[in-house]
Structures are given as structure tokens and as C-alpha cells.
Amino acid sequence: MPRAIPRLFSRAPLCCELRMIRRQTRDNSKGNGNRWFYSCGECGHMVFDDWEGIRDGNPLCECKEISRGQKERGRDYVFRCARGECEYRSEDEEDEEDEEDKEDD
């Protein structure tokens, strides 16, 4: 029997004053195949329902909750609010330092 993936939410989160709908992704080029997520039927906002990218040491978001590290646009590694409750976005400082080192070379 396959092991269940731990869920981030105990109940469906609210968006546009309605409960979001839980779904599962299909295989895709972003590496998010078969991940569970919630989506809003009104505005299309989505948030993953797993612990992927959530680690001790990640910065807190604007609502003082955990953040999720993730790749965006194929190259940028950023942190975002794991629960999708605020607009927090922060680039990984190590990646920024690596880019600066490359520019100095």
C-alpha cells in the first residue's frame, strides 16, 4: 500500500470567502506531477497541500508563518508563503551571492 503524503492543511483553506477545491496535478515539465493542491473556483489562486520545499531555517513570510522554497521560471529559487495567505516572495540569498560571485569573475 503506498504511503500517504502528509498534508499541510487539515481542512480546505478559504479564498474569495469560499472553501478551495482539492485536486491532484498531472505530470508536467515543472516537476510537480501528482502533487495535491487546492484551487479557488472564483479567482484561480492555488496552493500546494504538501510539505515539499518547507524546511527548518526557511524565512517566515509576512503573516509570520512558514515559507516554502521553490523554483520559479525554471531558474529562480524563491521563498513564498506556504499557505498562500500573503504575497510574500523572497529570493534565496545564497543564489543571489552566487550570481554576484559569477559577475565578479
Protein backbone atom coordinates (compact mmCIF):
# COMPACT_ATOMS: atom_id res chain seq x y z
CA MET A 1 0.00 0.00 0.00
CA PRO A 2 1.50 3.40 -0.96
CA ARG A 3 2.44 5.74 1.84
CA ALA A 4 0.19 8.78 2.24
CA ILE A 5 1.83 12.16 1.68
CA PRO A 6 1.50 14.38 4.77
CA ARG A 7 -0.97 17.19 4.20
CA LEU A 8 -0.23 20.82 5.02
CA PHE A 9 -3.89 21.71 5.63
CA SER A 10 -6.26 19.89 7.99
CA ARG A 11 -9.24 21.47 6.16
CA ALA A 12 -9.66 23.22 2.85
CA PRO A 13 -8.43 26.82 3.05
CA LEU A 14 -10.66 29.78 2.27
CA CYS A 15 -10.27 32.02 -0.78
CA CYS A 16 -12.80 34.56 -2.08
CA GLU A 17 -14.86 33.65 1.03
CA LEU A 18 -15.31 30.05 -0.24
CA ARG A 19 -13.56 26.76 0.55
CA MET A 20 -10.95 25.87 -2.05
CA ILE A 21 -11.20 22.59 -4.01
CA ARG A 22 -8.55 19.87 -3.52
CA ARG A 23 -7.10 18.36 -6.69
CA GLN A 24 -4.04 16.50 -7.90
CA THR A 25 -1.64 17.68 -10.60
CA ARG A 26 -0.82 15.64 -13.65
CA ASP A 27 2.72 15.08 -14.84
CA ASN A 28 4.26 18.34 -16.00
CA SER A 29 7.58 19.82 -17.05
CA LYS A 30 7.92 21.73 -13.76
CA GLY A 31 8.39 18.55 -11.69
CA ASN A 32 5.10 18.94 -9.84
CA GLY A 33 3.44 15.78 -11.13
CA ASN A 34 0.97 14.03 -8.82
CA ARG A 35 1.12 16.74 -6.13
CA TRP A 36 -2.06 17.60 -4.23
CA PHE A 37 -3.15 21.23 -4.21
CA TYR A 38 -6.13 23.46 -3.50
CA SER A 39 -7.54 25.84 -6.09
CA CYS A 40 -10.10 28.60 -5.89
CA GLY A 41 -13.06 28.26 -8.25
CA GLU A 42 -13.51 32.04 -8.27
CA CYS A 43 -10.06 33.54 -8.88
CA GLY A 44 -7.90 30.51 -9.79
CA HIS A 45 -5.46 31.00 -6.88
CA MET A 46 -3.75 27.74 -5.91
CA VAL A 47 -1.65 26.41 -3.05
CA PHE A 48 0.05 23.02 -2.66
CA ASP A 49 -1.17 20.70 0.12
CA ASP A 50 2.16 19.07 0.98
CA TRP A 51 5.43 19.82 2.73
CA GLU A 52 7.62 19.97 -0.40
CA GLY A 53 10.17 22.79 -0.01
CA ILE A 54 9.25 23.50 3.62
CA ARG A 55 12.35 23.20 5.80
CA ASP A 56 13.64 24.35 9.17
CA GLY A 57 15.52 27.57 8.53
CA ASN A 58 13.22 28.88 5.79
CA PRO A 59 12.34 32.52 6.44
CA LEU A 60 8.95 33.45 7.90
CA CYS A 61 6.54 35.09 5.49
CA GLU A 62 4.71 38.41 6.03
CA CYS A 63 1.97 36.67 8.05
CA LYS A 64 4.69 35.16 10.32
CA GLU A 65 4.05 31.63 9.05
CA ILE A 66 6.30 29.08 7.38
CA SER A 67 7.56 29.66 3.85
CA ARG A 68 8.09 27.19 1.03
CA GLY A 69 11.23 27.19 -1.11
CA GLN A 70 10.53 26.62 -4.79
CA LYS A 71 11.95 27.13 -8.27
CA GLU A 72 10.22 29.71 -10.42
CA ARG A 73 10.50 30.31 -14.13
CA GLY A 74 12.96 27.47 -14.41
CA ARG A 75 15.84 29.17 -12.59
CA ASP A 76 15.00 31.45 -9.64
CA TYR A 77 14.81 29.77 -6.23
CA VAL A 78 12.41 31.78 -4.08
CA PHE A 79 10.54 31.51 -0.82
CA ARG A 80 6.78 32.09 -0.74
CA CYS A 81 4.10 31.85 1.93
CA ALA A 82 3.50 28.09 2.20
CA ARG A 83 -0.18 28.60 2.94
CA GLY A 84 -0.72 31.18 0.22
CA GLU A 85 -2.16 33.67 2.69
CA CYS A 86 0.13 36.60 1.87
CA GLU A 87 2.09 37.85 -1.15
CA TYR A 88 5.49 37.08 0.40
CA ARG A 89 8.28 36.47 -2.13
CA SER A 90 11.97 36.41 -1.26
CA GLU A 91 14.85 35.22 -3.43
CA ASP A 92 17.32 32.81 -1.86
CA GLU A 93 20.22 34.91 -0.56
CA GLU A 94 22.73 32.15 -1.37
CA ASP A 95 21.62 32.17 -5.02
CA GLU A 96 21.99 35.97 -5.10
CA GLU A 97 25.53 35.71 -3.67
CA ASP A 98 26.42 33.02 -6.25
CA GLU A 99 25.21 35.33 -9.05
CA GLU A 100 27.29 38.23 -7.66
CA ASP A 101 30.38 35.97 -7.48
CA LYS A 102 29.88 34.99 -11.14
CA GLU A 103 29.63 38.66 -12.14
CA ASP A 104 32.90 39.44 -10.31
CA ASP A 105 34.80 36.71 -12.22
